[in-house]
């Protein structure tokens, strides 16, 4: 019997947690959890993908996405997910993942063009080279004050400026 479970998220109306956020020392995991929650019935992933950094992270730590999705669905909290990861994932790979994602940068001008096409806010910040920083800036551009706390001063999520449908 499920006593509590994670609720779905609509990532067209609020951002996932920031890419630098950690769960149990694993960078990007809270964002991955939010993206999974957005795939639940009643949620919406918007333009967020599972086959990008989230998929790479899960592969690197030895976690199957289908099984992990079910863990997130049944969990009542991030703490439960962290406990499951400590028991089932390769926690020795956390450091390797954290270092790898921090090292992902724009490689050349062709890559820069692809990044700017995927993350338009990056074009306004040409000094940014690390992809994790570019993702963060994109969320800030799209959601403004919602980044970091998932809600504005009024406590009501709003549709991001760049994702109006």
N, C-alpha and C. Protein backbone atom coordinates (compact mmCIF):
# COMPACT_ATOMS: atom_id res chain seq x y z
N UNK A 1 0.84 -1.18 0.00
CA UNK A 1 0.00 0.00 0.00
C UNK A 1 0.89 1.25 0.00
N UNK A 2 0.57 2.20 -0.86
CA UNK A 2 1.31 3.46 -0.92
C UNK A 2 0.65 4.44 0.05
N UNK A 3 1.41 4.88 1.04
CA UNK A 3 0.87 5.84 2.00
C UNK A 3 0.97 7.26 1.48
N UNK A 4 2.03 7.55 0.79
CA UNK A 4 2.24 8.88 0.22
C UNK A 4 3.07 8.71 -1.04
N UNK A 5 2.95 9.65 -1.92
CA UNK A 5 3.75 9.57 -3.13
C UNK A 5 4.01 10.97 -3.66
N UNK A 6 5.00 11.05 -4.51
CA UNK A 6 5.35 12.32 -5.13
C UNK A 6 4.21 12.76 -6.04
N UNK A 7 3.94 14.05 -6.05
CA UNK A 7 2.90 14.60 -6.91
C UNK A 7 3.49 14.98 -8.26
N UNK A 8 2.67 14.99 -9.31
CA UNK A 8 3.17 15.40 -10.63
C UNK A 8 3.49 16.89 -10.65
N UNK A 9 4.38 17.28 -11.54
CA UNK A 9 4.75 18.68 -11.74
C UNK A 9 4.44 19.08 -13.17
N UNK A 10 4.11 20.34 -13.36
CA UNK A 10 3.92 20.90 -14.69
C UNK A 10 5.11 21.82 -14.95
N UNK A 11 6.07 21.35 -15.73
CA UNK A 11 7.30 22.12 -15.97
C UNK A 11 7.12 23.19 -17.04
N UNK A 12 5.89 23.41 -17.49
CA UNK A 12 5.60 24.58 -18.30
C UNK A 12 5.29 25.76 -17.40
N UNK A 13 4.95 25.49 -16.16
CA UNK A 13 4.52 26.54 -15.22
C UNK A 13 5.53 26.80 -14.10
N UNK A 14 6.41 25.88 -13.85
CA UNK A 14 7.45 26.06 -12.84
C UNK A 14 8.66 25.27 -13.28
N UNK A 15 9.83 25.74 -12.93
CA UNK A 15 11.04 25.03 -13.35
C UNK A 15 11.31 23.83 -12.45
N UNK A 16 12.07 22.87 -12.97
CA UNK A 16 12.58 21.85 -12.06
C UNK A 16 13.64 22.51 -11.17
N UNK A 17 14.07 21.80 -10.18
CA UNK A 17 15.12 22.37 -9.33
C UNK A 17 16.37 22.66 -10.14
N UNK A 18 17.19 23.52 -9.60
CA UNK A 18 18.36 24.02 -10.33
C UNK A 18 19.35 22.90 -10.65
N UNK A 19 20.05 23.01 -11.76
CA UNK A 19 20.98 21.95 -12.15
C UNK A 19 22.13 21.74 -11.16
N UNK A 20 22.50 22.76 -10.40
CA UNK A 20 23.58 22.63 -9.42
C UNK A 20 23.12 21.98 -8.12
N UNK A 21 21.80 21.87 -7.89
CA UNK A 21 21.29 21.30 -6.65
C UNK A 21 21.71 19.84 -6.54
N UNK A 22 21.88 19.39 -5.30
CA UNK A 22 22.32 18.02 -5.06
C UNK A 22 21.33 17.28 -4.17
N UNK A 23 21.34 15.98 -4.29
CA UNK A 23 20.66 15.10 -3.36
C UNK A 23 21.68 14.07 -2.93
N UNK A 24 21.95 14.04 -1.66
CA UNK A 24 22.91 13.09 -1.10
C UNK A 24 24.28 13.22 -1.78
N UNK A 25 24.62 14.45 -2.18
CA UNK A 25 25.91 14.71 -2.80
C UNK A 25 25.95 14.51 -4.30
N UNK A 26 24.84 14.20 -4.92
CA UNK A 26 24.79 13.94 -6.36
C UNK A 26 24.18 15.14 -7.09
N UNK A 27 25.03 15.84 -7.85
CA UNK A 27 24.60 17.01 -8.61
C UNK A 27 23.59 16.58 -9.67
N UNK A 28 22.55 17.39 -9.86
CA UNK A 28 21.53 17.23 -10.90
C UNK A 28 20.41 16.26 -10.51
N UNK A 29 20.58 15.51 -9.42
CA UNK A 29 19.56 14.52 -9.06
C UNK A 29 18.21 15.16 -8.71
N UNK A 30 18.15 16.26 -7.92
CA UNK A 30 16.83 16.85 -7.67
C UNK A 30 16.11 17.27 -8.96
N UNK A 31 16.85 17.78 -9.90
CA UNK A 31 16.28 18.18 -11.19
C UNK A 31 15.74 16.96 -11.94
N UNK A 32 16.48 15.88 -11.89
CA UNK A 32 16.04 14.64 -12.53
C UNK A 32 14.75 14.13 -11.89
N UNK A 33 14.68 14.17 -10.57
CA UNK A 33 13.47 13.75 -9.87
C UNK A 33 12.28 14.60 -10.33
N UNK A 34 12.47 15.90 -10.43
CA UNK A 34 11.38 16.78 -10.87
C UNK A 34 10.96 16.47 -12.31
N UNK A 35 11.91 16.16 -13.17
CA UNK A 35 11.59 15.83 -14.55
C UNK A 35 10.80 14.53 -14.61
N UNK A 36 11.17 13.58 -13.78
CA UNK A 36 10.41 12.32 -13.71
C UNK A 36 9.00 12.59 -13.21
N UNK A 37 8.87 13.39 -12.17
CA UNK A 37 7.54 13.72 -11.63
C UNK A 37 6.67 14.39 -12.68
N UNK A 38 7.28 15.17 -13.54
CA UNK A 38 6.52 15.84 -14.60
C UNK A 38 5.98 14.85 -15.63
N UNK A 39 6.54 13.66 -15.68
CA UNK A 39 6.05 12.63 -16.57
C UNK A 39 4.90 11.82 -16.01
N UNK A 40 4.55 12.05 -14.73
CA UNK A 40 3.42 11.35 -14.12
C UNK A 40 2.11 11.86 -14.69
N UNK A 41 1.04 11.06 -14.63
CA UNK A 41 -0.27 11.55 -15.06
C UNK A 41 -0.62 12.85 -14.33
N UNK A 42 -1.04 13.84 -15.09
CA UNK A 42 -1.37 15.14 -14.54
C UNK A 42 -0.20 16.12 -14.59
N UNK A 43 0.97 15.63 -14.93
CA UNK A 43 2.15 16.49 -15.06
C UNK A 43 2.43 16.81 -16.52
N UNK A 44 3.46 17.61 -16.74
CA UNK A 44 3.86 17.94 -18.10
C UNK A 44 5.34 18.30 -18.09
N UNK A 45 6.13 17.62 -18.91
CA UNK A 45 7.57 17.88 -18.99
C UNK A 45 7.90 19.14 -19.77
N UNK A 46 6.97 19.66 -20.54
CA UNK A 46 7.30 20.81 -21.35
C UNK A 46 8.47 20.45 -22.26
N UNK A 47 9.52 21.26 -22.25
CA UNK A 47 10.66 20.98 -23.11
C UNK A 47 11.77 20.20 -22.41
N UNK A 48 11.55 19.78 -21.17
CA UNK A 48 12.59 19.06 -20.43
C UNK A 48 12.67 17.61 -20.88
N UNK A 49 13.88 17.11 -20.96
CA UNK A 49 14.15 15.78 -21.50
C UNK A 49 14.69 14.84 -20.43
N UNK A 50 14.42 13.56 -20.59
CA UNK A 50 15.02 12.55 -19.71
C UNK A 50 16.25 11.92 -20.35
N UNK A 51 16.41 12.06 -21.65
CA UNK A 51 17.51 11.38 -22.32
C UNK A 51 18.77 12.25 -22.43
N UNK A 52 18.79 13.37 -21.78
CA UNK A 52 19.97 14.22 -21.77
C UNK A 52 20.84 13.91 -20.57
N UNK A 53 21.18 14.95 -19.80
CA UNK A 53 22.04 14.76 -18.64
C UNK A 53 21.42 13.81 -17.62
N UNK A 54 20.11 13.85 -17.44
CA UNK A 54 19.47 12.95 -16.46
C UNK A 54 19.72 11.49 -16.82
N UNK A 55 19.50 11.16 -18.08
CA UNK A 55 19.74 9.78 -18.52
C UNK A 55 21.20 9.38 -18.38
N UNK A 56 22.10 10.30 -18.73
CA UNK A 56 23.53 10.01 -18.59
C UNK A 56 23.91 9.77 -17.14
N UNK A 57 23.36 10.60 -16.25
CA UNK A 57 23.67 10.45 -14.83
C UNK A 57 23.20 9.09 -14.32
N UNK A 58 21.96 8.74 -14.63
CA UNK A 58 21.43 7.46 -14.15
C UNK A 58 22.26 6.29 -14.68
N UNK A 59 22.65 6.36 -15.94
CA UNK A 59 23.50 5.31 -16.50
C UNK A 59 24.83 5.24 -15.76
N UNK A 60 25.45 6.39 -15.51
CA UNK A 60 26.76 6.40 -14.86
C UNK A 60 26.71 5.83 -13.45
N UNK A 61 25.60 6.04 -12.74
CA UNK A 61 25.51 5.51 -11.37
C UNK A 61 24.85 4.13 -11.33
N UNK A 62 24.56 3.57 -12.51
CA UNK A 62 24.07 2.20 -12.59
C UNK A 62 22.61 2.01 -12.21
N UNK A 63 21.77 3.00 -12.53
CA UNK A 63 20.36 2.94 -12.18
C UNK A 63 19.51 2.90 -13.45
N UNK A 64 18.62 1.94 -13.51
CA UNK A 64 17.69 1.81 -14.64
C UNK A 64 16.59 2.86 -14.52
N UNK A 65 16.34 3.60 -15.60
CA UNK A 65 15.38 4.70 -15.58
C UNK A 65 13.97 4.22 -15.25
N UNK A 66 13.57 3.07 -15.75
CA UNK A 66 12.22 2.56 -15.49
C UNK A 66 12.05 2.23 -14.02
N UNK A 67 13.03 1.56 -13.47
CA UNK A 67 12.96 1.22 -12.04
C UNK A 67 13.01 2.49 -11.18
N UNK A 68 13.88 3.42 -11.56
CA UNK A 68 14.00 4.65 -10.78
C UNK A 68 12.72 5.48 -10.84
N UNK A 69 12.07 5.50 -11.98
CA UNK A 69 10.79 6.21 -12.10
C UNK A 69 9.78 5.65 -11.12
N UNK A 70 9.75 4.35 -10.98
CA UNK A 70 8.82 3.73 -10.03
C UNK A 70 9.20 4.08 -8.59
N UNK A 71 10.47 4.15 -8.30
CA UNK A 71 10.93 4.55 -6.96
C UNK A 71 10.46 5.97 -6.66
N UNK A 72 10.63 6.88 -7.63
CA UNK A 72 10.20 8.27 -7.44
C UNK A 72 8.69 8.32 -7.26
N UNK A 73 7.96 7.54 -8.04
CA UNK A 73 6.49 7.53 -7.96
C UNK A 73 6.02 7.13 -6.56
N UNK A 74 6.68 6.17 -5.96
CA UNK A 74 6.25 5.64 -4.67
C UNK A 74 6.82 6.40 -3.47
N UNK A 75 7.86 7.17 -3.69
CA UNK A 75 8.52 7.87 -2.58
C UNK A 75 7.67 9.01 -2.05
N UNK A 76 7.75 9.21 -0.75
CA UNK A 76 7.05 10.33 -0.12
C UNK A 76 7.96 11.55 -0.02
N UNK A 77 9.26 11.35 -0.22
CA UNK A 77 10.20 12.46 -0.04
C UNK A 77 11.51 12.17 -0.77
N UNK A 78 12.30 13.23 -0.93
CA UNK A 78 13.64 13.07 -1.48
C UNK A 78 14.49 12.18 -0.57
N UNK A 79 14.26 12.25 0.73
CA UNK A 79 15.03 11.43 1.67
C UNK A 79 14.85 9.94 1.38
N UNK A 80 13.63 9.54 1.04
CA UNK A 80 13.39 8.14 0.69
C UNK A 80 14.14 7.77 -0.59
N UNK A 81 14.15 8.68 -1.53
CA UNK A 81 14.86 8.42 -2.79
C UNK A 81 16.36 8.32 -2.52
N UNK A 82 16.89 9.21 -1.70
CA UNK A 82 18.32 9.17 -1.36
C UNK A 82 18.67 7.85 -0.69
N UNK A 83 17.82 7.38 0.21
CA UNK A 83 18.07 6.10 0.88
C UNK A 83 18.09 4.96 -0.13
N UNK A 84 17.14 4.96 -1.07
CA UNK A 84 17.10 3.92 -2.10
C UNK A 84 18.38 3.97 -2.94
N UNK A 85 18.80 5.17 -3.31
CA UNK A 85 20.02 5.31 -4.10
C UNK A 85 21.23 4.78 -3.35
N UNK A 86 21.31 5.06 -2.05
CA UNK A 86 22.45 4.55 -1.25
C UNK A 86 22.49 3.03 -1.27
N UNK A 87 21.32 2.41 -1.34
CA UNK A 87 21.24 0.95 -1.33
C UNK A 87 21.42 0.32 -2.71
N UNK A 88 21.01 1.03 -3.77
CA UNK A 88 20.94 0.40 -5.10
C UNK A 88 21.90 0.97 -6.14
N UNK A 89 22.30 2.22 -6.00
CA UNK A 89 23.16 2.85 -7.01
C UNK A 89 24.63 2.63 -6.68
N UNK A 90 25.46 2.88 -7.65
CA UNK A 90 26.91 2.87 -7.44
C UNK A 90 27.30 4.25 -6.89
N UNK A 91 27.28 4.38 -5.58
CA UNK A 91 27.55 5.67 -4.96
C UNK A 91 29.00 6.11 -5.15
N UNK A 92 29.86 5.16 -5.50
CA UNK A 92 31.25 5.55 -5.78
C UNK A 92 31.35 6.33 -7.08
N UNK A 93 30.31 6.25 -7.92
CA UNK A 93 30.30 6.99 -9.19
C UNK A 93 29.80 8.42 -9.03
N UNK A 94 29.29 8.79 -7.86
CA UNK A 94 28.77 10.14 -7.66
C UNK A 94 29.84 11.18 -7.94
N UNK A 95 31.01 10.99 -7.41
CA UNK A 95 32.10 11.97 -7.60
C UNK A 95 32.47 12.08 -9.07
N UNK A 96 32.57 10.93 -9.73
CA UNK A 96 32.90 10.93 -11.16
C UNK A 96 31.85 11.69 -11.95
N UNK A 97 30.56 11.47 -11.64
CA UNK A 97 29.48 12.20 -12.31
C UNK A 97 29.60 13.70 -12.05
N UNK A 98 29.76 14.07 -10.79
CA UNK A 98 29.84 15.49 -10.43
C UNK A 98 30.98 16.18 -11.16
N UNK A 99 32.11 15.51 -11.26
CA UNK A 99 33.25 16.08 -11.99
C UNK A 99 32.95 16.16 -13.48
N UNK A 100 32.36 15.10 -14.02
CA UNK A 100 32.07 15.06 -15.46
C UNK A 100 31.12 16.18 -15.86
N UNK A 101 30.01 16.33 -15.14
CA UNK A 101 29.03 17.35 -15.53
C UNK A 101 29.62 18.75 -15.38
N UNK A 102 30.48 18.95 -14.39
CA UNK A 102 31.10 20.26 -14.20
C UNK A 102 32.06 20.59 -15.35
N UNK A 103 32.56 19.57 -16.02
CA UNK A 103 33.53 19.76 -17.10
C UNK A 103 32.89 19.91 -18.47
N UNK A 104 31.58 19.73 -18.58
CA UNK A 104 30.92 19.81 -19.88
C UNK A 104 30.80 21.27 -20.31
N UNK A 105 31.50 21.60 -21.39
CA UNK A 105 31.54 22.98 -21.87
C UNK A 105 31.25 23.03 -23.37
N UNK A 106 31.07 24.24 -23.85
CA UNK A 106 30.92 24.45 -25.28
C UNK A 106 32.25 24.10 -25.93
N UNK A 107 32.19 23.22 -26.93
CA UNK A 107 33.41 22.67 -27.53
C UNK A 107 33.98 23.53 -28.66
N UNK A 108 33.10 24.06 -29.49
CA UNK A 108 33.55 24.84 -30.64
C UNK A 108 32.36 25.67 -31.14
N UNK A 109 32.55 26.38 -32.22
CA UNK A 109 31.47 27.27 -32.71
C UNK A 109 30.24 26.50 -33.19
N UNK A 110 30.45 25.33 -33.79
CA UNK A 110 29.31 24.53 -34.24
C UNK A 110 28.49 24.06 -33.02
N UNK A 111 29.20 23.65 -31.98
CA UNK A 111 28.53 23.24 -30.75
C UNK A 111 27.82 24.43 -30.10
N UNK A 112 28.46 25.59 -30.10
CA UNK A 112 27.85 26.80 -29.55
C UNK A 112 26.52 27.08 -30.26
N UNK A 113 26.49 26.92 -31.58
CA UNK A 113 25.26 27.18 -32.34
C UNK A 113 24.17 26.20 -31.92
N UNK A 114 24.51 24.93 -31.71
CA UNK A 114 23.51 23.95 -31.26
C UNK A 114 23.02 24.28 -29.85
N UNK A 115 23.94 24.68 -28.97
CA UNK A 115 23.56 25.03 -27.60
C UNK A 115 22.64 26.24 -27.60
N UNK A 116 22.97 27.25 -28.39
CA UNK A 116 22.15 28.45 -28.46
C UNK A 116 20.78 28.17 -29.06
N UNK A 117 20.70 27.21 -29.98
CA UNK A 117 19.40 26.83 -30.54
C UNK A 117 18.54 26.15 -29.48
N UNK A 118 19.15 25.32 -28.65
CA UNK A 118 18.41 24.60 -27.60
C UNK A 118 18.12 25.50 -26.40
N UNK A 119 19.07 26.40 -26.08
CA UNK A 119 18.97 27.28 -24.91
C UNK A 119 19.17 28.73 -25.36
N UNK A 120 18.12 29.38 -25.87
CA UNK A 120 18.25 30.72 -26.43
C UNK A 120 18.82 31.76 -25.48
N UNK A 121 18.59 31.62 -24.18
CA UNK A 121 19.13 32.59 -23.22
C UNK A 121 20.65 32.58 -23.21
N UNK A 122 21.24 31.47 -23.61
CA UNK A 122 22.70 31.36 -23.61
C UNK A 122 23.34 32.37 -24.57
N UNK A 123 22.64 32.71 -25.63
CA UNK A 123 23.17 33.67 -26.60
C UNK A 123 23.38 35.04 -25.96
N UNK A 124 22.59 35.34 -24.92
CA UNK A 124 22.71 36.62 -24.22
C UNK A 124 23.85 36.62 -23.20
N UNK A 125 24.44 35.45 -22.99
CA UNK A 125 25.51 35.29 -22.00
C UNK A 125 26.68 34.53 -22.63
N UNK A 126 27.34 35.13 -23.62
CA UNK A 126 28.40 34.41 -24.33
C UNK A 126 29.60 34.05 -23.47
N UNK A 127 29.72 34.66 -22.30
CA UNK A 127 30.83 34.34 -21.40
C UNK A 127 30.65 32.98 -20.74
N UNK A 128 29.42 32.46 -20.71
CA UNK A 128 29.18 31.16 -20.09
C UNK A 128 29.68 30.05 -20.99
N UNK A 129 30.43 29.14 -20.43
CA UNK A 129 30.97 28.03 -21.18
C UNK A 129 30.47 26.68 -20.66
N UNK A 130 30.26 26.58 -19.34
CA UNK A 130 29.83 25.30 -18.77
C UNK A 130 28.34 25.10 -19.06
N UNK A 131 27.99 23.92 -19.54
CA UNK A 131 26.60 23.65 -19.92
C UNK A 131 25.67 23.71 -18.72
N UNK A 132 26.12 23.29 -17.56
CA UNK A 132 25.27 23.34 -16.36
C UNK A 132 24.91 24.78 -16.02
N UNK A 133 25.83 25.72 -16.25
CA UNK A 133 25.55 27.14 -16.00
C UNK A 133 24.58 27.68 -17.05
N UNK A 134 24.72 27.23 -18.27
CA UNK A 134 23.82 27.66 -19.35
C UNK A 134 22.39 27.19 -19.07
N UNK A 135 22.25 25.97 -18.61
CA UNK A 135 20.92 25.45 -18.26
C UNK A 135 20.30 26.30 -17.15
N UNK A 136 21.10 26.66 -16.16
CA UNK A 136 20.61 27.48 -15.06
C UNK A 136 20.15 28.85 -15.55
N UNK A 137 20.92 29.47 -16.42
CA UNK A 137 20.55 30.78 -16.98
C UNK A 137 19.27 30.67 -17.81
N UNK A 138 19.13 29.60 -18.54
CA UNK A 138 17.91 29.39 -19.34
C UNK A 138 16.68 29.34 -18.44
N UNK A 139 16.77 28.61 -17.34
CA UNK A 139 15.64 28.56 -16.40
C UNK A 139 15.35 29.93 -15.82
N UNK A 140 16.39 30.67 -15.45
CA UNK A 140 16.19 32.01 -14.89
C UNK A 140 15.54 32.93 -15.90
N UNK A 141 15.95 32.83 -17.15
CA UNK A 141 15.34 33.66 -18.21
C UNK A 141 13.87 33.30 -18.40
N UNK A 142 13.59 32.01 -18.37
CA UNK A 142 12.22 31.56 -18.62
C UNK A 142 11.28 31.78 -17.43
N UNK A 143 11.80 31.60 -16.21
CA UNK A 143 10.93 31.60 -15.05
C UNK A 143 11.18 32.73 -14.05
N UNK A 144 12.21 33.50 -14.24
CA UNK A 144 12.47 34.62 -13.34
C UNK A 144 12.57 34.22 -11.89
N UNK A 145 11.76 34.86 -11.05
CA UNK A 145 11.85 34.66 -9.61
C UNK A 145 11.43 33.26 -9.17
N UNK A 146 10.86 32.47 -10.05
CA UNK A 146 10.46 31.12 -9.66
C UNK A 146 11.66 30.20 -9.49
N UNK A 147 12.77 30.52 -10.11
CA UNK A 147 13.94 29.65 -10.03
C UNK A 147 14.43 29.63 -8.59
N UNK A 148 14.62 28.44 -8.08
CA UNK A 148 15.12 28.27 -6.73
C UNK A 148 14.04 27.91 -5.73
N UNK A 149 12.86 28.52 -5.85
CA UNK A 149 11.81 28.21 -4.88
C UNK A 149 10.51 27.74 -5.53
N UNK A 150 10.47 27.65 -6.83
CA UNK A 150 9.32 27.16 -7.58
C UNK A 150 8.09 28.03 -7.49
N UNK A 151 8.21 29.22 -6.92
CA UNK A 151 7.04 30.09 -6.89
C UNK A 151 7.48 31.53 -6.73
N UNK A 152 6.67 32.42 -7.18
CA UNK A 152 6.95 33.84 -7.04
C UNK A 152 6.54 34.34 -5.67
N UNK A 153 6.64 35.63 -5.48
CA UNK A 153 6.29 36.21 -4.18
C UNK A 153 4.85 35.90 -3.79
N UNK A 154 3.98 35.79 -4.76
CA UNK A 154 2.57 35.51 -4.46
C UNK A 154 2.36 34.05 -4.12
N UNK A 155 3.36 33.20 -4.37
CA UNK A 155 3.21 31.77 -4.13
C UNK A 155 2.53 31.05 -5.27
N UNK A 156 2.21 31.76 -6.35
CA UNK A 156 1.51 31.16 -7.47
C UNK A 156 2.48 31.00 -8.63
N UNK A 157 2.55 29.79 -9.16
CA UNK A 157 3.41 29.55 -10.32
C UNK A 157 2.84 30.28 -11.52
N UNK A 158 3.73 30.72 -12.41
CA UNK A 158 3.27 31.40 -13.61
C UNK A 158 3.93 30.77 -14.83
N UNK A 159 3.33 30.97 -15.96
CA UNK A 159 3.87 30.44 -17.19
C UNK A 159 5.12 31.20 -17.58
N UNK A 160 6.21 30.50 -17.89
CA UNK A 160 7.44 31.19 -18.26
C UNK A 160 7.26 31.99 -19.54
N UNK A 161 7.98 33.11 -19.61
CA UNK A 161 7.87 34.01 -20.75
C UNK A 161 8.19 33.34 -22.08
N UNK A 162 9.19 32.47 -22.07
CA UNK A 162 9.65 31.90 -23.34
C UNK A 162 8.90 30.63 -23.72
N UNK A 163 8.02 30.14 -22.87
CA UNK A 163 7.36 28.87 -23.18
C UNK A 163 5.86 29.00 -23.32
N UNK A 164 5.36 30.17 -23.54
CA UNK A 164 3.92 30.35 -23.66
C UNK A 164 3.41 29.52 -24.83
N UNK A 165 2.34 28.80 -24.58
CA UNK A 165 1.78 27.92 -25.63
C UNK A 165 0.39 28.34 -26.01
